[in-house]
PDB file of N, CA and C in Angstrom:
ATOM      1  N   MET A   1      14.230 -66.579 -55.794  1.00  0.00           N
ATOM      2  CA  MET A   1      14.061 -67.831 -55.074  1.00  0.00           C
ATOM      3  C   MET A   1      14.411 -67.600 -53.615  1.00  0.00           C
ATOM      4  N   ILE A   2      13.561 -68.002 -52.703  1.00  0.00           N
ATOM      5  CA  ILE A   2      13.882 -68.009 -51.287  1.00  0.00           C
ATOM      6  C   ILE A   2      14.612 -69.314 -51.054  1.00  0.00           C
ATOM      7  N   GLY A   3      15.824 -69.223 -50.581  1.00  0.00           N
ATOM      8  CA  GLY A   3      16.567 -70.457 -50.452  1.00  0.00           C
ATOM      9  C   GLY A   3      17.792 -70.296 -49.600  1.00  0.00           C
ATOM     10  N   PRO A   4      18.747 -71.175 -49.790  1.00  0.00           N
ATOM     11  CA  PRO A   4      19.940 -71.190 -48.959  1.00  0.00           C
ATOM     12  C   PRO A   4      20.797 -69.947 -49.178  1.00  0.00           C
ATOM     13  N   GLY A   5      21.497 -69.567 -48.143  1.00  0.00           N
ATOM     14  CA  GLY A   5      22.340 -68.381 -48.212  1.00  0.00           C
ATOM     15  C   GLY A   5      23.707 -68.672 -48.792  1.00  0.00           C
ATOM     16  N   ALA A   6      24.558 -67.655 -48.755  1.00  0.00           N
ATOM     17  CA  ALA A   6      25.925 -67.780 -49.268  1.00  0.00           C
ATOM     18  C   ALA A   6      26.711 -68.758 -48.393  1.00  0.00           C
ATOM     19  N   GLY A   7      27.623 -69.444 -49.003  1.00  0.00           N
ATOM     20  CA  GLY A   7      28.481 -70.364 -48.280  1.00  0.00           C
ATOM     21  C   GLY A   7      27.900 -71.750 -48.065  1.00  0.00           C
ATOM     22  N   VAL A   8      26.720 -72.005 -48.571  1.00  0.00           N
ATOM     23  CA  VAL A   8      26.115 -73.318 -48.420  1.00  0.00           C
ATOM     24  C   VAL A   8      26.812 -74.318 -49.346  1.00  0.00           C
ATOM     25  N   ARG A   9      26.897 -75.566 -48.914  1.00  0.00           N
ATOM     26  CA  ARG A   9      27.471 -76.621 -49.748  1.00  0.00           C
ATOM     27  C   ARG A   9      26.414 -77.080 -50.752  1.00  0.00           C
ATOM     28  N   VAL A  10      26.829 -77.259 -51.994  1.00  0.00           N
ATOM     29  CA  VAL A  10      25.904 -77.661 -53.056  1.00  0.00           C
ATOM     30  C   VAL A  10      26.487 -78.884 -53.761  1.00  0.00           C
ATOM     31  N   TYR A  11      25.678 -79.924 -53.896  1.00  0.00           N
ATOM     32  CA  TYR A  11      26.105 -81.150 -54.563  1.00  0.00           C
ATOM     33  C   TYR A  11      25.142 -81.462 -55.705  1.00  0.00           C
ATOM     34  N   LEU A  12      25.679 -81.786 -56.861  1.00  0.00           N
ATOM     35  CA  LEU A  12      24.889 -82.192 -58.018  1.00  0.00           C
ATOM     36  C   LEU A  12      24.983 -83.695 -58.179  1.00  0.00           C
ATOM     37  N   ALA A  13      23.847 -84.324 -58.383  1.00  0.00           N
ATOM     38  CA  ALA A  13      23.813 -85.738 -58.723  1.00  0.00           C
ATOM     39  C   ALA A  13      23.985 -85.817 -60.234  1.00  0.00           C
ATOM     40  N   CYS A  14      25.186 -86.139 -60.673  1.00  0.00           N
ATOM     41  CA  CYS A  14      25.464 -86.177 -62.116  1.00  0.00           C
ATOM     42  C   CYS A  14      24.613 -87.253 -62.776  1.00  0.00           C
ATOM     43  N   GLY A  15      24.330 -87.055 -64.030  1.00  0.00           N
ATOM     44  CA  GLY A  15      23.453 -87.979 -64.741  1.00  0.00           C
ATOM     45  C   GLY A  15      22.015 -87.531 -64.600  1.00  0.00           C
ATOM     46  N   VAL A  16      21.080 -88.463 -64.805  1.00  0.00           N
ATOM     47  CA  VAL A  16      19.655 -88.119 -64.772  1.00  0.00           C
ATOM     48  C   VAL A  16      18.979 -88.739 -63.559  1.00  0.00           C
ATOM     49  N   THR A  17      17.889 -88.100 -63.152  1.00  0.00           N
ATOM     50  CA  THR A  17      17.099 -88.554 -62.015  1.00  0.00           C
ATOM     51  C   THR A  17      15.633 -88.610 -62.444  1.00  0.00           C
ATOM     52  N   ASP A  18      14.914 -89.568 -61.933  1.00  0.00           N
ATOM     53  CA  ASP A  18      13.485 -89.678 -62.188  1.00  0.00           C
ATOM     54  C   ASP A  18      12.791 -88.516 -61.476  1.00  0.00           C
ATOM     55  N   MET A  19      12.216 -87.596 -62.231  1.00  0.00           N
ATOM     56  CA  MET A  19      11.608 -86.399 -61.657  1.00  0.00           C
ATOM     57  C   MET A  19      10.266 -86.678 -60.973  1.00  0.00           C
ATOM     58  N   ARG A  20       9.817 -87.928 -60.995  1.00  0.00           N
ATOM     59  CA  ARG A  20       8.615 -88.282 -60.246  1.00  0.00           C
ATOM     60  C   ARG A  20       8.909 -88.428 -58.762  1.00  0.00           C
ATOM     61  N   LYS A  21      10.185 -88.523 -58.418  1.00  0.00           N
ATOM     62  CA  LYS A  21      10.569 -88.682 -57.011  1.00  0.00           C
ATOM     63  C   LYS A  21      10.263 -87.405 -56.238  1.00  0.00           C
ATOM     64  N   GLY A  22       9.790 -87.608 -55.026  1.00  0.00           N
ATOM     65  CA  GLY A  22       9.520 -86.497 -54.122  1.00  0.00           C
ATOM     66  C   GLY A  22      10.624 -86.381 -53.088  1.00  0.00           C
ATOM     67  N   ILE A  23      10.313 -85.775 -51.969  1.00  0.00           N
ATOM     68  CA  ILE A  23      11.305 -85.553 -50.920  1.00  0.00           C
ATOM     69  C   ILE A  23      11.894 -86.863 -50.414  1.00  0.00           C
ATOM     70  N   THR A  24      11.042 -87.831 -50.127  1.00  0.00           N
ATOM     71  CA  THR A  24      11.526 -89.107 -49.587  1.00  0.00           C
ATOM     72  C   THR A  24      12.449 -89.820 -50.567  1.00  0.00           C
ATOM     73  N   GLY A  25      12.052 -89.878 -51.828  1.00  0.00           N
ATOM     74  CA  GLY A  25      12.871 -90.551 -52.842  1.00  0.00           C
ATOM     75  C   GLY A  25      14.193 -89.840 -53.086  1.00  0.00           C
ATOM     76  N   LEU A  26      14.174 -88.513 -53.125  1.00  0.00           N
ATOM     77  CA  LEU A  26      15.410 -87.762 -53.343  1.00  0.00           C
ATOM     78  C   LEU A  26      16.326 -87.837 -52.120  1.00  0.00           C
ATOM     79  N   ALA A  27      15.756 -87.858 -50.924  1.00  0.00           N
ATOM     80  CA  ALA A  27      16.567 -88.016 -49.716  1.00  0.00           C
ATOM     81  C   ALA A  27      17.246 -89.385 -49.707  1.00  0.00           C
ATOM     82  N   ALA A  28      16.526 -90.413 -50.161  1.00  0.00           N
ATOM     83  CA  ALA A  28      17.122 -91.750 -50.251  1.00  0.00           C
ATOM     84  C   ALA A  28      18.258 -91.767 -51.269  1.00  0.00           C
ATOM     85  N   LEU A  29      18.071 -91.107 -52.432  1.00  0.00           N
ATOM     86  CA  LEU A  29      19.147 -91.016 -53.429  1.00  0.00           C
ATOM     87  C   LEU A  29      20.360 -90.286 -52.859  1.00  0.00           C
ATOM     88  N   THR A  30      20.100 -89.254 -52.079  1.00  0.00           N
ATOM     89  CA  THR A  30      21.187 -88.491 -51.466  1.00  0.00           C
ATOM     90  C   THR A  30      22.031 -89.397 -50.589  1.00  0.00           C
ATOM     91  N   GLN A  31      21.382 -90.240 -49.806  1.00  0.00           N
ATOM     92  CA  GLN A  31      22.115 -91.158 -48.936  1.00  0.00           C
ATOM     93  C   GLN A  31      22.799 -92.274 -49.704  1.00  0.00           C
ATOM     94  N   GLU A  32      22.078 -92.910 -50.627  1.00  0.00           N
ATOM     95  CA  GLU A  32      22.585 -94.099 -51.295  1.00  0.00           C
ATOM     96  C   GLU A  32      23.580 -93.796 -52.405  1.00  0.00           C
ATOM     97  N   VAL A  33      23.298 -92.794 -53.226  1.00  0.00           N
ATOM     98  CA  VAL A  33      24.138 -92.515 -54.391  1.00  0.00           C
ATOM     99  C   VAL A  33      25.212 -91.474 -54.085  1.00  0.00           C
ATOM    100  N   LEU A  34      24.803 -90.374 -53.459  1.00  0.00           N
ATOM    101  CA  LEU A  34      25.755 -89.297 -53.180  1.00  0.00           C
ATOM    102  C   LEU A  34      26.550 -89.534 -51.903  1.00  0.00           C
ATOM    103  N   ARG A  35      26.098 -90.474 -51.078  1.00  0.00           N
ATOM    104  CA  ARG A  35      26.763 -90.796 -49.806  1.00  0.00           C
ATOM    105  C   ARG A  35      26.854 -89.572 -48.890  1.00  0.00           C
ATOM    106  N   ARG A  36      25.756 -88.814 -48.820  1.00  0.00           N
ATOM    107  CA  ARG A  36      25.681 -87.609 -47.986  1.00  0.00           C
ATOM    108  C   ARG A  36      24.445 -87.693 -47.105  1.00  0.00           C
ATOM    109  N   ASN A  37      24.478 -86.958 -46.003  1.00  0.00           N
ATOM    110  CA  ASN A  37      23.334 -86.873 -45.106  1.00  0.00           C
ATOM    111  C   ASN A  37      22.370 -85.829 -45.656  1.00  0.00           C
ATOM    112  N   PRO A  38      21.154 -86.205 -46.036  1.00  0.00           N
ATOM    113  CA  PRO A  38      20.238 -85.228 -46.622  1.00  0.00           C
ATOM    114  C   PRO A  38      19.818 -84.129 -45.648  1.00  0.00           C
ATOM    115  N   ALA A  39      19.959 -84.360 -44.351  1.00  0.00           N
ATOM    116  CA  ALA A  39      19.589 -83.362 -43.340  1.00  0.00           C
ATOM    117  C   ALA A  39      20.799 -82.563 -42.864  1.00  0.00           C
ATOM    118  N   SER A  40      21.845 -82.492 -43.675  1.00  0.00           N
ATOM    119  CA  SER A  40      23.076 -81.792 -43.283  1.00  0.00           C
ATOM    120  C   SER A  40      23.000 -80.286 -43.488  1.00  0.00           C
ATOM    121  N   GLY A  41      21.981 -79.816 -44.203  1.00  0.00           N
ATOM    122  CA  GLY A  41      21.888 -78.390 -44.509  1.00  0.00           C
ATOM    123  C   GLY A  41      22.443 -78.044 -45.876  1.00  0.00           C
ATOM    124  N   ALA A  42      23.047 -79.018 -46.543  1.00  0.00           N
ATOM    125  CA  ALA A  42      23.564 -78.803 -47.899  1.00  0.00           C
ATOM    126  C   ALA A  42      22.398 -78.826 -48.890  1.00  0.00           C
ATOM    127  N   VAL A  43      22.655 -78.330 -50.091  1.00  0.00           N
ATOM    128  CA  VAL A  43      21.663 -78.367 -51.165  1.00  0.00           C
ATOM    129  C   VAL A  43      22.045 -79.489 -52.119  1.00  0.00           C
ATOM    130  N   PHE A  44      21.081 -80.313 -52.472  1.00  0.00           N
ATOM    131  CA  PHE A  44      21.306 -81.424 -53.394  1.00  0.00           C
ATOM    132  C   PHE A  44      20.469 -81.177 -54.642  1.00  0.00           C
ATOM    133  N   ALA A  45      21.121 -81.186 -55.803  1.00  0.00           N
ATOM    134  CA  ALA A  45      20.460 -80.858 -57.068  1.00  0.00           C
ATOM    135  C   ALA A  45      20.341 -82.108 -57.937  1.00  0.00           C
ATOM    136  N   PHE A  46      19.174 -82.252 -58.570  1.00  0.00           N
ATOM    137  CA  PHE A  46      18.867 -83.386 -59.431  1.00  0.00           C
ATOM    138  C   PHE A  46      18.244 -82.863 -60.713  1.00  0.00           C
ATOM    139  N   ARG A  47      18.622 -83.461 -61.854  1.00  0.00           N
ATOM    140  CA  ARG A  47      18.089 -83.032 -63.153  1.00  0.00           C
ATOM    141  C   ARG A  47      17.375 -84.182 -63.839  1.00  0.00           C
ATOM    142  N   GLY A  48      16.300 -83.869 -64.551  1.00  0.00           N
ATOM    143  CA  GLY A  48      15.525 -84.869 -65.277  1.00  0.00           C
ATOM    144  C   GLY A  48      16.186 -85.276 -66.584  1.00  0.00           C
ATOM    145  N   ARG A  49      15.643 -86.303 -67.200  1.00  0.00           N
ATOM    146  CA  ARG A  49      16.197 -86.879 -68.430  1.00  0.00           C
ATOM    147  C   ARG A  49      16.239 -85.883 -69.580  1.00  0.00           C
ATOM    148  N   ARG A  50      15.192 -85.103 -69.778  1.00  0.00           N
ATOM    149  CA  ARG A  50      15.158 -84.137 -70.881  1.00  0.00           C
ATOM    150  C   ARG A  50      16.050 -82.930 -70.630  1.00  0.00           C
ATOM    151  N   GLY A  51      16.433 -82.711 -69.392  1.00  0.00           N
ATOM    152  CA  GLY A  51      17.342 -81.608 -69.084  1.00  0.00           C
ATOM    153  C   GLY A  51      16.662 -80.283 -68.835  1.00  0.00           C
ATOM    154  N   ASP A  52      15.334 -80.247 -68.941  1.00  0.00           N
ATOM    155  CA  ASP A  52      14.632 -78.979 -68.742  1.00  0.00           C
ATOM    156  C   ASP A  52      14.040 -78.852 -67.339  1.00  0.00           C
ATOM    157  N   ARG A  53      14.253 -79.853 -66.496  1.00  0.00           N
ATOM    158  CA  ARG A  53      13.699 -79.852 -65.143  1.00  0.00           C
ATOM    159  C   ARG A  53      14.795 -80.077 -64.116  1.00  0.00           C
ATOM    160  N   ILE A  54      14.660 -79.362 -63.002  1.00  0.00           N
ATOM    161  CA  ILE A  54      15.633 -79.495 -61.931  1.00  0.00           C
ATOM    162  C   ILE A  54      14.906 -79.457 -60.597  1.00  0.00           C
ATOM    163  N   LYS A  55      15.392 -80.250 -59.655  1.00  0.00           N
ATOM    164  CA  LYS A  55      14.877 -80.233 -58.288  1.00  0.00           C
ATOM    165  C   LYS A  55      16.037 -80.012 -57.335  1.00  0.00           C
ATOM    166  N   LEU A  56      15.809 -79.168 -56.345  1.00  0.00           N
ATOM    167  CA  LEU A  56      16.790 -78.905 -55.297  1.00  0.00           C
ATOM    168  C   LEU A  56      16.182 -79.356 -53.975  1.00  0.00           C
ATOM    169  N   LEU A  57      16.934 -80.121 -53.214  1.00  0.00           N
ATOM    170  CA  LEU A  57      16.488 -80.613 -51.917  1.00  0.00           C
ATOM    171  C   LEU A  57      17.417 -80.069 -50.843  1.00  0.00           C
ATOM    172  N   THR A  58      16.848 -79.515 -49.784  1.00  0.00           N
ATOM    173  CA  THR A  58      17.661 -79.016 -48.677  1.00  0.00           C
ATOM    174  C   THR A  58      16.888 -79.139 -47.376  1.00  0.00           C
ATOM    175  N   TRP A  59      17.599 -79.206 -46.280  1.00  0.00           N
ATOM    176  CA  TRP A  59      17.032 -79.256 -44.937  1.00  0.00           C
ATOM    177  C   TRP A  59      17.232 -77.880 -44.315  1.00  0.00           C
ATOM    178  N   ASP A  60      16.165 -77.250 -43.819  1.00  0.00           N
ATOM    179  CA  ASP A  60      16.285 -75.905 -43.264  1.00  0.00           C
ATOM    180  C   ASP A  60      16.326 -75.863 -41.742  1.00  0.00           C
ATOM    181  N   GLY A  61      16.429 -77.017 -41.108  1.00  0.00           N
ATOM    182  CA  GLY A  61      16.479 -77.087 -39.660  1.00  0.00           C
ATOM    183  C   GLY A  61      15.149 -77.524 -39.055  1.00  0.00           C
ATOM    184  N   GLN A  62      14.063 -77.355 -39.797  1.00  0.00           N
ATOM    185  CA  GLN A  62      12.745 -77.774 -39.327  1.00  0.00           C
ATOM    186  C   GLN A  62      12.143 -78.855 -40.213  1.00  0.00           C
ATOM    187  N   GLY A  63      12.581 -78.897 -41.449  1.00  0.00           N
ATOM    188  CA  GLY A  63      12.046 -79.877 -42.387  1.00  0.00           C
ATOM    189  C   GLY A  63      12.717 -79.719 -43.739  1.00  0.00           C
ATOM    190  N   PHE A  64      12.349 -80.587 -44.660  1.00  0.00           N
ATOM    191  CA  PHE A  64      12.923 -80.535 -45.999  1.00  0.00           C
ATOM    192  C   PHE A  64      12.201 -79.507 -46.851  1.00  0.00           C
ATOM    193  N   CYS A  65      12.959 -78.830 -47.707  1.00  0.00           N
ATOM    194  CA  CYS A  65      12.421 -77.914 -48.717  1.00  0.00           C
ATOM    195  C   CYS A  65      12.754 -78.504 -50.077  1.00  0.00           C
ATOM    196  N   LEU A  66      11.785 -78.511 -50.965  1.00  0.00           N
ATOM    197  CA  LEU A  66      11.984 -79.032 -52.312  1.00  0.00           C
ATOM    198  C   LEU A  66      11.630 -77.930 -53.297  1.00  0.00           C
ATOM    199  N   TYR A  67      12.615 -77.497 -54.072  1.00  0.00           N
ATOM    200  CA  TYR A  67      12.418 -76.484 -55.110  1.00  0.00           C
ATOM    201  C   TYR A  67      12.400 -77.198 -56.445  1.00  0.00           C
ATOM    202  N   TYR A  68      11.495 -76.785 -57.321  1.00  0.00           N
ATOM    203  CA  TYR A  68      11.325 -77.449 -58.612  1.00  0.00           C
ATOM    204  C   TYR A  68      11.188 -76.376 -59.684  1.00  0.00           C
ATOM    205  N   LYS A  69      11.974 -76.504 -60.756  1.00  0.00           N
ATOM    206  CA  LYS A  69      11.897 -75.533 -61.838  1.00  0.00           C
ATOM    207  C   LYS A  69      11.896 -76.263 -63.168  1.00  0.00           C
ATOM    208  N   VAL A  70      11.047 -75.765 -64.074  1.00  0.00           N
ATOM    209  CA  VAL A  70      10.973 -76.285 -65.439  1.00  0.00           C
ATOM    210  C   VAL A  70      11.254 -75.125 -66.378  1.00  0.00           C
ATOM    211  N   LEU A  71      12.262 -75.282 -67.231  1.00  0.00           N
ATOM    212  CA  LEU A  71      12.586 -74.247 -68.210  1.00  0.00           C
ATOM    213  C   LEU A  71      11.635 -74.341 -69.398  1.00  0.00           C
ATOM    214  N   GLU A  72      11.158 -73.207 -69.878  1.00  0.00           N
ATOM    215  CA  GLU A  72      10.321 -73.210 -71.080  1.00  0.00           C
ATOM    216  C   GLU A  72      11.166 -73.430 -72.324  1.00  0.00           C
ATOM    217  N   LYS A  73      12.402 -72.910 -72.324  1.00  0.00           N
ATOM    218  CA  LYS A  73      13.335 -73.091 -73.447  1.00  0.00           C
ATOM    219  C   LYS A  73      14.694 -73.466 -72.883  1.00  0.00           C
ATOM    220  N   GLY A  74      15.401 -74.285 -73.608  1.00  0.00           N
ATOM    221  CA  GLY A  74      16.756 -74.644 -73.215  1.00  0.00           C
ATOM    222  C   GLY A  74      16.812 -75.787 -72.224  1.00  0.00           C
ATOM    223  N   ARG A  75      18.041 -76.035 -71.769  1.00  0.00           N
ATOM    224  CA  ARG A  75      18.314 -77.129 -70.847  1.00  0.00           C
ATOM    225  C   ARG A  75      19.257 -76.651 -69.769  1.00  0.00           C
ATOM    226  N   PHE A  76      19.172 -77.272 -68.607  1.00  0.00           N
ATOM    227  CA  PHE A  76      20.101 -76.964 -67.536  1.00  0.00           C
ATOM    228  C   PHE A  76      21.452 -77.611 -67.848  1.00  0.00           C
ATOM    229  N   PRO A  77      22.555 -76.865 -67.728  1.00  0.00           N
ATOM    230  CA  PRO A  77      23.879 -77.461 -67.953  1.00  0.00           C
ATOM    231  C   PRO A  77      24.172 -78.469 -66.844  1.00  0.00           C
ATOM    232  N   TRP A  78      24.721 -79.618 -67.242  1.00  0.00           N
ATOM    233  CA  TRP A  78      24.888 -80.695 -66.274  1.00  0.00           C
ATOM    234  C   TRP A  78      26.113 -81.524 -66.595  1.00  0.00           C
ATOM    235  N   PRO A  79      26.857 -81.977 -65.592  1.00  0.00           N
ATOM    236  CA  PRO A  79      28.025 -82.843 -65.831  1.00  0.00           C
ATOM    237  C   PRO A  79      27.604 -84.227 -66.334  1.00  0.00           C
ATOM    238  N   ALA A  80      28.540 -84.925 -66.939  1.00  0.00           N
ATOM    239  CA  ALA A  80      28.291 -86.274 -67.445  1.00  0.00           C
ATOM    240  C   ALA A  80      28.066 -87.242 -66.284  1.00  0.00           C
ATOM    241  N   PRO A  81      27.294 -88.315 -66.513  1.00  0.00           N
ATOM    242  CA  PRO A  81      27.039 -89.283 -65.445  1.00  0.00           C
ATOM    243  C   PRO A  81      28.311 -89.889 -64.856  1.00  0.00           C
ATOM    244  N   ALA A  82      29.350 -90.008 -65.660  1.00  0.00           N
ATOM    245  CA  ALA A  82      30.599 -90.602 -65.184  1.00  0.00           C
ATOM    246  C   ALA A  82      31.260 -89.760 -64.099  1.00  0.00           C
ATOM    247  N   ASP A  83      30.888 -88.479 -64.007  1.00  0.00           N
ATOM    248  CA  ASP A  83      31.495 -87.601 -63.016  1.00  0.00           C
ATOM    249  C   ASP A  83      31.018 -87.897 -61.594  1.00  0.00           C
ATOM    250  N   GLY A  84      29.928 -88.637 -61.430  1.00  0.00           N
ATOM    251  CA  GLY A  84      29.431 -88.995 -60.105  1.00  0.00           C
ATOM    252  C   GLY A  84      28.735 -87.850 -59.401  1.00  0.00           C
ATOM    253  N   THR A  85      29.499 -87.086 -58.635  1.00  0.00           N
ATOM    254  CA  THR A  85      28.975 -85.949 -57.893  1.00  0.00           C
ATOM    255  C   THR A  85      29.814 -84.729 -58.202  1.00  0.00           C
ATOM    256  N   ALA A  86      29.175 -83.594 -58.372  1.00  0.00           N
ATOM    257  CA  ALA A  86      29.901 -82.334 -58.583  1.00  0.00           C
ATOM    258  C   ALA A  86      29.579 -81.414 -57.415  1.00  0.00           C
ATOM    259  N   ARG A  87      30.554 -80.631 -57.012  1.00  0.00           N
ATOM    260  CA  ARG A  87      30.379 -79.664 -55.925  1.00  0.00           C
ATOM    261  C   ARG A  87      30.357 -78.274 -56.520  1.00  0.00           C
ATOM    262  N   LEU A  88      29.372 -77.465 -56.151  1.00  0.00           N
ATOM    263  CA  LEU A  88      29.229 -76.104 -56.666  1.00  0.00           C
ATOM    264  C   LEU A  88      29.290 -75.104 -55.521  1.00  0.00           C
ATOM    265  N   THR A  89      29.581 -73.859 -55.861  1.00  0.00           N
ATOM    266  CA  THR A  89      29.488 -72.762 -54.902  1.00  0.00           C
ATOM    267  C   THR A  89      28.055 -72.232 -54.932  1.00  0.00           C
ATOM    268  N   SER A  90      27.716 -71.401 -53.973  1.00  0.00           N
ATOM    269  CA  SER A  90      26.371 -70.826 -53.977  1.00  0.00           C
ATOM    270  C   SER A  90      26.176 -69.912 -55.186  1.00  0.00           C
ATOM    271  N   ALA A  91      27.245 -69.259 -55.663  1.00  0.00           N
ATOM    272  CA  ALA A  91      27.151 -68.424 -56.869  1.00  0.00           C
ATOM    273  C   ALA A  91      26.873 -69.292 -58.100  1.00  0.00           C
ATOM    274  N   GLN A  92      27.534 -70.439 -58.199  1.00  0.00           N
ATOM    275  CA  GLN A  92      27.286 -71.348 -59.309  1.00  0.00           C
ATOM    276  C   GLN A  92      25.867 -71.912 -59.243  1.00  0.00           C
ATOM    277  N   LEU A  93      25.358 -72.158 -58.033  1.00  0.00           N
ATOM    278  CA  LEU A  93      23.983 -72.618 -57.879  1.00  0.00           C
ATOM    279  C   LEU A  93      23.008 -71.564 -58.405  1.00  0.00           C
ATOM    280  N   ALA A  94      23.268 -70.307 -58.101  1.00  0.00           N
ATOM    281  CA  ALA A  94      22.399 -69.231 -58.594  1.00  0.00           C
ATOM    282  C   ALA A  94      22.402 -69.188 -60.120  1.00  0.00           C
ATOM    283  N   MET A  95      23.581 -69.369 -60.732  1.00  0.00           N
ATOM    284  CA  MET A  95      23.649 -69.400 -62.195  1.00  0.00           C
ATOM    285  C   MET A  95      22.887 -70.596 -62.745  1.00  0.00           C
ATOM    286  N   LEU A  96      23.084 -71.771 -62.128  1.00  0.00           N
ATOM    287  CA  LEU A  96      22.393 -72.984 -62.554  1.00  0.00           C
ATOM    288  C   LEU A  96      20.886 -72.782 -62.498  1.00  0.00           C
ATOM    289  N   TRP A  97      20.368 -72.218 -61.415  1.00  0.00           N
ATOM    290  CA  TRP A  97      18.932 -72.009 -61.243  1.00  0.00           C
ATOM    291  C   TRP A  97      18.360 -71.123 -62.343  1.00  0.00           C
ATOM    292  N   GLU A  98      19.177 -70.185 -62.844  1.00  0.00           N
ATOM    293  CA  GLU A  98      18.742 -69.288 -63.915  1.00  0.00           C
ATOM    294  C   GLU A  98      18.966 -69.876 -65.306  1.00  0.00           C
ATOM    295  N   GLY A  99      19.523 -71.085 -65.375  1.00  0.00           N
ATOM    296  CA  GLY A  99      19.759 -71.731 -66.659  1.00  0.00           C
ATOM    297  C   GLY A  99      21.053 -71.298 -67.321  1.00  0.00           C
ATOM    298  N   ILE A 100      21.924 -70.615 -66.583  1.00  0.00           N
ATOM    299  CA  ILE A 100      23.216 -70.156 -67.111  1.00  0.00           C
ATOM    300  C   ILE A 100      24.235 -71.279 -66.942  1.00  0.00           C
ATOM    301  N   ASP A 101      25.081 -71.469 -67.930  1.00  0.00           N
ATOM    302  CA  ASP A 101      26.104 -72.513 -67.834  1.00  0.00           C
ATOM    303  C   ASP A 101      27.155 -72.093 -66.812  1.00  0.00           C
ATOM    304  N   TRP A 102      27.069 -72.645 -65.638  1.00  0.00           N
ATOM    305  CA  TRP A 102      27.960 -72.310 -64.532  1.00  0.00           C
ATOM    306  C   TRP A 102      29.393 -72.791 -64.773  1.00  0.00           C
ATOM    307  N   ARG A 103      29.577 -73.688 -65.741  1.00  0.00           N
ATOM    308  CA  ARG A 103      30.929 -74.199 -66.035  1.00  0.00           C
ATOM    309  C   ARG A 103      31.731 -73.219 -66.870  1.00  0.00           C
ATOM    310  N   ARG A 104      31.052 -72.413 -67.704  1.00  0.00           N
ATOM    311  CA  ARG A 104      31.720 -71.442 -68.575  1.00  0.00           C
ATOM    312  C   ARG A 104      30.932 -70.134 -68.602  1.00  0.00           C
ATOM    313  N   PRO A 105      30.865 -69.433 -67.467  1.00  0.00           N
ATOM    314  CA  PRO A 105      30.076 -68.192 -67.472  1.00  0.00           C
ATOM    315  C   PRO A 105      30.716 -67.135 -68.371  1.00  0.00           C
ATOM    316  N   ALA A 106      29.881 -66.326 -68.978  1.00  0.00           N
ATOM    317  CA  ALA A 106      30.376 -65.234 -69.824  1.00  0.00           C
ATOM    318  C   ALA A 106      30.522 -63.997 -68.941  1.00  0.00           C
ATOM    319  N   TRP A 107      31.733 -63.707 -68.552  1.00  0.00           N
ATOM    320  CA  TRP A 107      31.991 -62.574 -67.677  1.00  0.00           C
ATOM    321  C   TRP A 107      31.964 -61.281 -68.485  1.00  0.00           C
ATOM    322  N   SER A 108      31.435 -60.270 -67.885  1.00  0.00           N
ATOM    323  CA  SER A 108      31.422 -58.964 -68.541  1.00  0.00           C
ATOM    324  C   SER A 108      32.813 -58.342 -68.462  1.00  0.00           C
ATOM    325  N   ALA A 109      33.012 -57.271 -69.208  1.00  0.00           N
ATOM    326  CA  ALA A 109      34.311 -56.581 -69.188  1.00  0.00           C
ATOM    327  C   ALA A 109      34.554 -55.969 -67.806  1.00  0.00           C
ATOM    328  N   PRO A 110      35.796 -55.872 -67.393  1.00  0.00           N
ATOM    329  CA  PRO A 110      36.077 -55.257 -66.097  1.00  0.00           C
ATOM    330  C   PRO A 110      35.683 -53.794 -66.103  1.00  0.00           C
ATOM    331  N   PRO A 111      35.394 -53.229 -64.952  1.00  0.00           N
ATOM    332  CA  PRO A 111      34.997 -51.818 -64.916  1.00  0.00           C
ATOM    333  C   PRO A 111      36.126 -50.908 -65.382  1.00  0.00           C
ATOM    334  N   ALA A 112      35.739 -49.793 -65.994  1.00  0.00           N
ATOM    335  CA  ALA A 112      36.735 -48.816 -66.447  1.00  0.00           C
ATOM    336  C   ALA A 112      37.317 -48.114 -65.228  1.00  0.00           C
ATOM    337  N   ARG A 113      38.523 -47.702 -65.355  1.00  0.00           N
ATOM    338  CA  ARG A 113      39.194 -47.007 -64.258  1.00  0.00           C
ATOM    339  C   ARG A 113      38.581 -45.619 -64.068  1.00  0.00           C
ATOM    340  N   VAL A 114      38.271 -45.324 -62.825  1.00  0.00           N
ATOM    341  CA  VAL A 114      37.705 -44.020 -62.502  1.00  0.00           C
ATOM    342  C   VAL A 114      38.836 -43.059 -62.179  1.00  0.00           C
ATOM    343  N   VAL A 115      38.804 -41.889 -62.799  1.00  0.00           N
ATOM    344  CA  VAL A 115      39.885 -40.911 -62.584  1.00  0.00           C
ATOM    345  C   VAL A 115      39.518 -39.958 -61.481  1.00  0.00           C
TER     346      VAL A 115
END
């Protein structure tokens, strides 16, 4: 994915979002529900009702970018609607985009000591 670099702020809109919304609708949700400036350079993530679709909205300095992904199998891990907004790191965003549960990643064993 061509997208935001390391250190970018990432906000998840907890609960479900109507995936028919485009840039204008998602930017309005960002302002009204998340209480954030959609042109701040942060990444705003929205998930559909079935959980297999995700949209990311970000401002790149010249205009809005909208990334859309549909999983063929499985669902994107997502916080409960009662949580409101969740903040992620760019590493957690990368896991989310790949469909990995960013809340409980399965870490590999530490490297063996080199003699």
